[in-house]
N, C-alpha and C. Protein backbone atom coordinates (compact mmCIF):
# COMPACT_ATOMS: atom_id res chain seq x y z
N MET A 1 0.83 -1.18 0.00
CA MET A 1 0.00 0.00 0.00
C MET A 1 0.88 1.25 0.00
N ILE A 2 0.44 2.23 -0.75
CA ILE A 2 1.12 3.52 -0.80
C ILE A 2 0.06 4.59 -0.54
N SER A 3 0.36 5.48 0.38
CA SER A 3 -0.57 6.58 0.59
C SER A 3 0.15 7.89 0.28
N LEU A 4 -0.58 8.78 -0.36
CA LEU A 4 -0.10 10.13 -0.65
C LEU A 4 -1.08 11.09 -0.01
N SER A 5 -0.56 12.10 0.66
CA SER A 5 -1.45 13.08 1.27
C SER A 5 -0.81 14.45 1.27
N ALA A 6 -1.66 15.46 1.33
CA ALA A 6 -1.20 16.85 1.38
C ALA A 6 -0.49 17.09 2.71
N THR A 7 0.35 18.09 2.74
CA THR A 7 1.10 18.42 3.96
C THR A 7 0.29 19.25 4.94
N SER A 8 -0.87 19.73 4.53
CA SER A 8 -1.78 20.45 5.41
C SER A 8 -3.18 19.88 5.21
N TYR A 9 -4.09 20.23 6.10
CA TYR A 9 -5.44 19.68 6.00
C TYR A 9 -6.08 20.01 4.67
N ASP A 10 -6.51 18.98 3.96
CA ASP A 10 -7.18 19.13 2.67
C ASP A 10 -8.03 17.88 2.45
N PRO A 11 -9.35 17.98 2.55
CA PRO A 11 -10.21 16.80 2.38
C PRO A 11 -10.05 16.12 1.02
N SER A 12 -9.62 16.86 0.01
CA SER A 12 -9.44 16.28 -1.32
C SER A 12 -8.01 15.81 -1.55
N GLY A 13 -7.14 16.00 -0.59
CA GLY A 13 -5.72 15.76 -0.79
C GLY A 13 -5.17 14.51 -0.16
N ALA A 14 -5.83 13.38 -0.35
CA ALA A 14 -5.31 12.13 0.19
C ALA A 14 -5.79 10.96 -0.66
N ILE A 15 -4.91 9.97 -0.80
CA ILE A 15 -5.27 8.77 -1.57
C ILE A 15 -4.44 7.59 -1.06
N ILE A 16 -5.04 6.42 -1.08
CA ILE A 16 -4.34 5.18 -0.76
C ILE A 16 -4.40 4.31 -2.01
N LEU A 17 -3.25 3.87 -2.48
CA LEU A 17 -3.16 3.04 -3.68
C LEU A 17 -2.81 1.60 -3.29
N ASP A 18 -3.45 0.67 -3.93
CA ASP A 18 -3.14 -0.75 -3.72
C ASP A 18 -1.98 -1.12 -4.63
N ALA A 19 -0.80 -0.70 -4.22
CA ALA A 19 0.40 -0.91 -5.03
C ALA A 19 1.61 -1.00 -4.10
N PHE A 20 2.70 -1.47 -4.64
CA PHE A 20 3.93 -1.59 -3.88
C PHE A 20 5.06 -0.89 -4.62
N ILE A 21 6.09 -0.54 -3.88
CA ILE A 21 7.26 0.12 -4.46
C ILE A 21 8.07 -0.92 -5.23
N ALA A 22 8.43 -0.59 -6.46
CA ALA A 22 9.19 -1.51 -7.31
C ALA A 22 10.66 -1.57 -6.89
N ASN A 23 11.18 -0.50 -6.32
CA ASN A 23 12.60 -0.43 -5.95
C ASN A 23 12.78 0.07 -4.51
N PRO A 24 12.24 -0.64 -3.53
CA PRO A 24 12.22 -0.10 -2.17
C PRO A 24 13.59 0.09 -1.51
N TYR A 25 14.57 -0.68 -1.91
CA TYR A 25 15.85 -0.59 -1.21
C TYR A 25 17.00 -0.13 -2.11
N ASP A 26 16.69 0.58 -3.17
CA ASP A 26 17.75 1.17 -3.98
C ASP A 26 18.51 2.18 -3.13
N ALA A 27 19.81 2.23 -3.31
CA ALA A 27 20.63 3.19 -2.57
C ALA A 27 21.83 3.57 -3.41
N GLU A 28 22.25 4.80 -3.27
CA GLU A 28 23.42 5.28 -4.00
C GLU A 28 24.07 6.38 -3.18
N ARG A 29 25.40 6.41 -3.18
CA ARG A 29 26.13 7.46 -2.47
C ARG A 29 26.35 8.63 -3.41
N ARG A 30 26.38 9.81 -2.84
CA ARG A 30 26.70 11.00 -3.64
C ARG A 30 28.20 11.04 -3.87
N GLY A 31 28.60 11.50 -5.02
CA GLY A 31 30.02 11.62 -5.28
C GLY A 31 30.33 11.53 -6.76
N SER A 32 31.61 11.55 -7.04
CA SER A 32 32.05 11.46 -8.43
C SER A 32 33.43 10.81 -8.49
N VAL A 33 33.75 10.28 -9.66
CA VAL A 33 35.06 9.70 -9.92
C VAL A 33 35.61 10.40 -11.14
N THR A 34 36.79 10.99 -10.99
CA THR A 34 37.41 11.75 -12.08
C THR A 34 38.75 11.12 -12.44
N ALA A 35 38.97 10.91 -13.73
CA ALA A 35 40.26 10.37 -14.19
C ALA A 35 41.35 11.42 -13.99
N THR A 36 42.53 10.94 -13.57
CA THR A 36 43.66 11.85 -13.38
C THR A 36 44.70 11.61 -14.47
N LEU A 37 45.60 12.56 -14.64
CA LEU A 37 46.60 12.48 -15.71
C LEU A 37 47.58 11.33 -15.54
N ASP A 38 47.78 10.86 -14.31
CA ASP A 38 48.72 9.76 -14.08
C ASP A 38 48.09 8.38 -14.30
N GLY A 39 46.85 8.35 -14.82
CA GLY A 39 46.19 7.08 -15.11
C GLY A 39 45.33 6.56 -13.98
N GLY A 40 45.32 7.25 -12.87
CA GLY A 40 44.50 6.84 -11.72
C GLY A 40 43.17 7.58 -11.70
N VAL A 41 42.59 7.65 -10.55
CA VAL A 41 41.32 8.35 -10.39
C VAL A 41 41.33 9.14 -9.09
N SER A 42 40.52 10.18 -9.08
CA SER A 42 40.28 10.95 -7.88
C SER A 42 38.82 10.73 -7.49
N VAL A 43 38.60 10.26 -6.27
CA VAL A 43 37.26 9.94 -5.81
C VAL A 43 36.79 11.02 -4.84
N TYR A 44 35.62 11.57 -5.12
CA TYR A 44 35.00 12.56 -4.24
C TYR A 44 33.71 11.95 -3.72
N ASP A 45 33.68 11.64 -2.43
CA ASP A 45 32.53 10.96 -1.82
C ASP A 45 31.89 11.88 -0.78
N THR A 46 30.61 12.20 -0.97
CA THR A 46 29.92 13.07 -0.02
C THR A 46 28.87 12.32 0.78
N GLY A 47 28.85 10.99 0.68
CA GLY A 47 27.99 10.20 1.54
C GLY A 47 26.64 9.86 0.95
N TYR A 48 25.76 9.39 1.85
CA TYR A 48 24.43 8.93 1.47
C TYR A 48 23.38 9.89 2.01
N SER A 49 22.33 10.07 1.24
CA SER A 49 21.20 10.88 1.67
C SER A 49 19.91 10.25 1.16
N VAL A 50 18.85 10.31 1.96
CA VAL A 50 17.54 9.82 1.53
C VAL A 50 17.10 10.54 0.27
N ALA A 51 17.50 11.80 0.14
CA ALA A 51 17.08 12.62 -1.00
C ALA A 51 17.66 12.16 -2.33
N ASP A 52 18.54 11.18 -2.31
CA ASP A 52 19.10 10.65 -3.56
C ASP A 52 18.27 9.51 -4.12
N GLN A 53 17.17 9.16 -3.47
CA GLN A 53 16.37 8.02 -3.91
C GLN A 53 15.06 8.48 -4.55
N THR A 54 14.73 7.87 -5.66
CA THR A 54 13.44 8.05 -6.31
C THR A 54 12.75 6.70 -6.31
N ILE A 55 11.59 6.63 -5.64
CA ILE A 55 10.87 5.36 -5.60
C ILE A 55 9.85 5.33 -6.74
N LYS A 56 9.59 4.13 -7.23
CA LYS A 56 8.69 3.98 -8.38
C LYS A 56 7.67 2.88 -8.12
N SER A 57 6.50 3.09 -8.67
CA SER A 57 5.43 2.11 -8.54
C SER A 57 4.54 2.21 -9.77
N SER A 58 3.77 1.16 -10.00
CA SER A 58 2.83 1.20 -11.11
C SER A 58 1.51 0.58 -10.67
N VAL A 59 0.44 1.08 -11.24
CA VAL A 59 -0.91 0.59 -10.94
C VAL A 59 -1.59 0.27 -12.25
N LYS A 60 -2.04 -0.97 -12.40
CA LYS A 60 -2.79 -1.37 -13.60
C LYS A 60 -4.23 -0.93 -13.45
N TYR A 61 -4.81 -0.44 -14.48
CA TYR A 61 -6.21 0.00 -14.53
C TYR A 61 -6.60 0.93 -13.38
N PRO A 62 -5.93 2.06 -13.26
CA PRO A 62 -6.31 3.00 -12.19
C PRO A 62 -7.68 3.60 -12.45
N THR A 63 -8.38 3.93 -11.40
CA THR A 63 -9.69 4.56 -11.56
C THR A 63 -9.51 6.03 -11.94
N ARG A 64 -10.52 6.58 -12.53
CA ARG A 64 -10.47 8.00 -12.89
C ARG A 64 -10.33 8.87 -11.64
N ALA A 65 -11.00 8.48 -10.56
CA ALA A 65 -10.91 9.23 -9.30
C ALA A 65 -9.48 9.22 -8.77
N SER A 66 -8.79 8.08 -8.87
CA SER A 66 -7.40 7.99 -8.43
C SER A 66 -6.51 8.92 -9.25
N LEU A 67 -6.69 8.89 -10.55
CA LEU A 67 -5.89 9.75 -11.43
C LEU A 67 -6.13 11.23 -11.12
N GLU A 68 -7.37 11.59 -10.89
CA GLU A 68 -7.68 12.99 -10.60
C GLU A 68 -7.11 13.43 -9.25
N THR A 69 -7.15 12.55 -8.25
CA THR A 69 -6.60 12.89 -6.94
C THR A 69 -5.08 13.05 -7.01
N ILE A 70 -4.41 12.14 -7.69
CA ILE A 70 -2.95 12.25 -7.81
C ILE A 70 -2.57 13.50 -8.59
N LYS A 71 -3.29 13.77 -9.67
CA LYS A 71 -3.02 14.98 -10.45
C LYS A 71 -3.26 16.23 -9.61
N TYR A 72 -4.28 16.21 -8.79
CA TYR A 72 -4.58 17.32 -7.89
C TYR A 72 -3.41 17.55 -6.93
N LEU A 73 -2.92 16.47 -6.31
CA LEU A 73 -1.79 16.60 -5.39
C LEU A 73 -0.55 17.15 -6.07
N ILE A 74 -0.26 16.65 -7.27
CA ILE A 74 0.90 17.12 -8.01
C ILE A 74 0.73 18.59 -8.41
N SER A 75 -0.47 18.98 -8.78
CA SER A 75 -0.73 20.34 -9.25
C SER A 75 -0.66 21.39 -8.14
N TYR A 76 -1.15 21.04 -6.96
CA TYR A 76 -1.31 22.04 -5.91
C TYR A 76 -0.32 21.96 -4.76
N TYR A 77 0.47 20.90 -4.69
CA TYR A 77 1.43 20.76 -3.59
C TYR A 77 2.82 20.47 -4.14
N SER A 78 3.80 21.26 -3.72
CA SER A 78 5.17 21.03 -4.20
C SER A 78 5.76 19.77 -3.58
N GLN A 79 5.30 19.40 -2.39
CA GLN A 79 5.74 18.17 -1.73
C GLN A 79 4.53 17.54 -1.05
N VAL A 80 4.53 16.22 -0.97
CA VAL A 80 3.44 15.48 -0.32
C VAL A 80 4.03 14.50 0.69
N ILE A 81 3.18 14.04 1.58
CA ILE A 81 3.58 13.01 2.53
C ILE A 81 3.33 11.65 1.88
N VAL A 82 4.36 10.81 1.88
CA VAL A 82 4.30 9.50 1.26
C VAL A 82 4.53 8.45 2.34
N CYS A 83 3.60 7.53 2.49
CA CYS A 83 3.75 6.42 3.42
C CYS A 83 3.68 5.12 2.63
N CYS A 84 4.65 4.25 2.87
CA CYS A 84 4.71 2.97 2.15
C CYS A 84 5.44 1.96 3.01
N GLU A 85 5.75 0.80 2.46
CA GLU A 85 6.36 -0.27 3.25
C GLU A 85 7.75 0.07 3.78
N ILE A 86 8.42 1.07 3.22
CA ILE A 86 9.76 1.40 3.69
C ILE A 86 9.78 2.60 4.64
N GLY A 87 8.62 3.22 4.89
CA GLY A 87 8.58 4.31 5.86
C GLY A 87 7.69 5.46 5.43
N ALA A 88 7.82 6.57 6.16
CA ALA A 88 7.07 7.79 5.88
C ALA A 88 8.06 8.87 5.45
N TYR A 89 7.75 9.53 4.35
CA TYR A 89 8.66 10.49 3.76
C TYR A 89 7.92 11.73 3.28
N LEU A 90 8.67 12.77 3.06
CA LEU A 90 8.22 13.93 2.30
C LEU A 90 8.78 13.71 0.91
N GLY A 91 7.95 13.86 -0.12
CA GLY A 91 8.42 13.57 -1.47
C GLY A 91 7.78 14.44 -2.52
N ILE A 92 8.39 14.43 -3.70
CA ILE A 92 7.90 15.18 -4.85
C ILE A 92 7.42 14.16 -5.88
N PRO A 93 6.10 14.06 -6.06
CA PRO A 93 5.57 13.03 -6.96
C PRO A 93 5.47 13.49 -8.42
N SER A 94 5.50 12.52 -9.30
CA SER A 94 5.19 12.75 -10.71
C SER A 94 4.52 11.48 -11.22
N MET A 95 3.73 11.62 -12.27
CA MET A 95 3.06 10.45 -12.82
C MET A 95 3.02 10.51 -14.33
N THR A 96 2.99 9.33 -14.92
CA THR A 96 2.76 9.19 -16.35
C THR A 96 1.77 8.05 -16.53
N ILE A 97 1.08 8.08 -17.64
CA ILE A 97 0.13 7.02 -17.95
C ILE A 97 0.52 6.41 -19.29
N ASN A 98 0.67 5.10 -19.30
CA ASN A 98 1.02 4.38 -20.52
C ASN A 98 -0.05 3.32 -20.74
N LYS A 99 -0.94 3.59 -21.69
CA LYS A 99 -2.07 2.71 -22.00
C LYS A 99 -2.93 2.50 -20.75
N ASP A 100 -2.87 1.34 -20.11
CA ASP A 100 -3.72 1.06 -18.95
C ASP A 100 -2.96 1.08 -17.63
N THR A 101 -1.74 1.63 -17.63
CA THR A 101 -0.90 1.60 -16.44
C THR A 101 -0.51 3.00 -15.99
N LEU A 102 -0.72 3.27 -14.71
CA LEU A 102 -0.26 4.51 -14.09
C LEU A 102 1.13 4.24 -13.54
N ASN A 103 2.10 5.04 -13.95
CA ASN A 103 3.47 4.95 -13.44
C ASN A 103 3.70 6.12 -12.51
N LEU A 104 3.97 5.82 -11.25
CA LEU A 104 4.15 6.83 -10.23
C LEU A 104 5.62 6.87 -9.83
N SER A 105 6.19 8.05 -9.79
CA SER A 105 7.58 8.24 -9.42
C SER A 105 7.62 9.31 -8.34
N ILE A 106 8.32 9.04 -7.24
CA ILE A 106 8.36 9.98 -6.12
C ILE A 106 9.81 10.20 -5.71
N ARG A 107 10.27 11.43 -5.85
CA ARG A 107 11.62 11.80 -5.41
C ARG A 107 11.54 12.12 -3.92
N LEU A 108 12.22 11.32 -3.12
CA LEU A 108 12.18 11.50 -1.67
C LEU A 108 12.99 12.73 -1.28
N VAL A 109 12.47 13.48 -0.32
CA VAL A 109 13.14 14.70 0.15
C VAL A 109 13.68 14.51 1.56
N SER A 110 12.85 13.97 2.45
CA SER A 110 13.31 13.73 3.82
C SER A 110 12.46 12.64 4.46
N ARG A 111 13.03 12.02 5.46
CA ARG A 111 12.33 10.96 6.18
C ARG A 111 11.55 11.58 7.33
N LEU A 112 10.32 11.14 7.54
CA LEU A 112 9.47 11.71 8.58
C LEU A 112 9.33 10.81 9.80
N ASP A 113 9.64 9.53 9.67
CA ASP A 113 9.39 8.58 10.76
C ASP A 113 10.60 8.20 11.58
N SER A 114 11.68 8.93 11.47
CA SER A 114 12.85 8.56 12.27
C SER A 114 13.28 9.68 13.19
């Protein structure tokens, strides 16, 4: 289950989707690797942050009401509260629709449950 809700009271700003995160434990460290003139590399590592993760999910045959609610949240809120199997987060959602499938992508900003 995934729930999306507005960050302030809004009777129209909440939805629960019967879906799961496709990539719940993806992780990546911030940094870069640069080639040096001597044939080696210079590694710049700035660590790990929740904000480096984008979670993805898909819903087959979404209802029109679901699509309208998600579009409403995306249109009127720069960030939403996201609750799913990996925790509660503040995130920036986006969606695409491909034939009969809703593809939901949420860029995590911060963790709310720790």
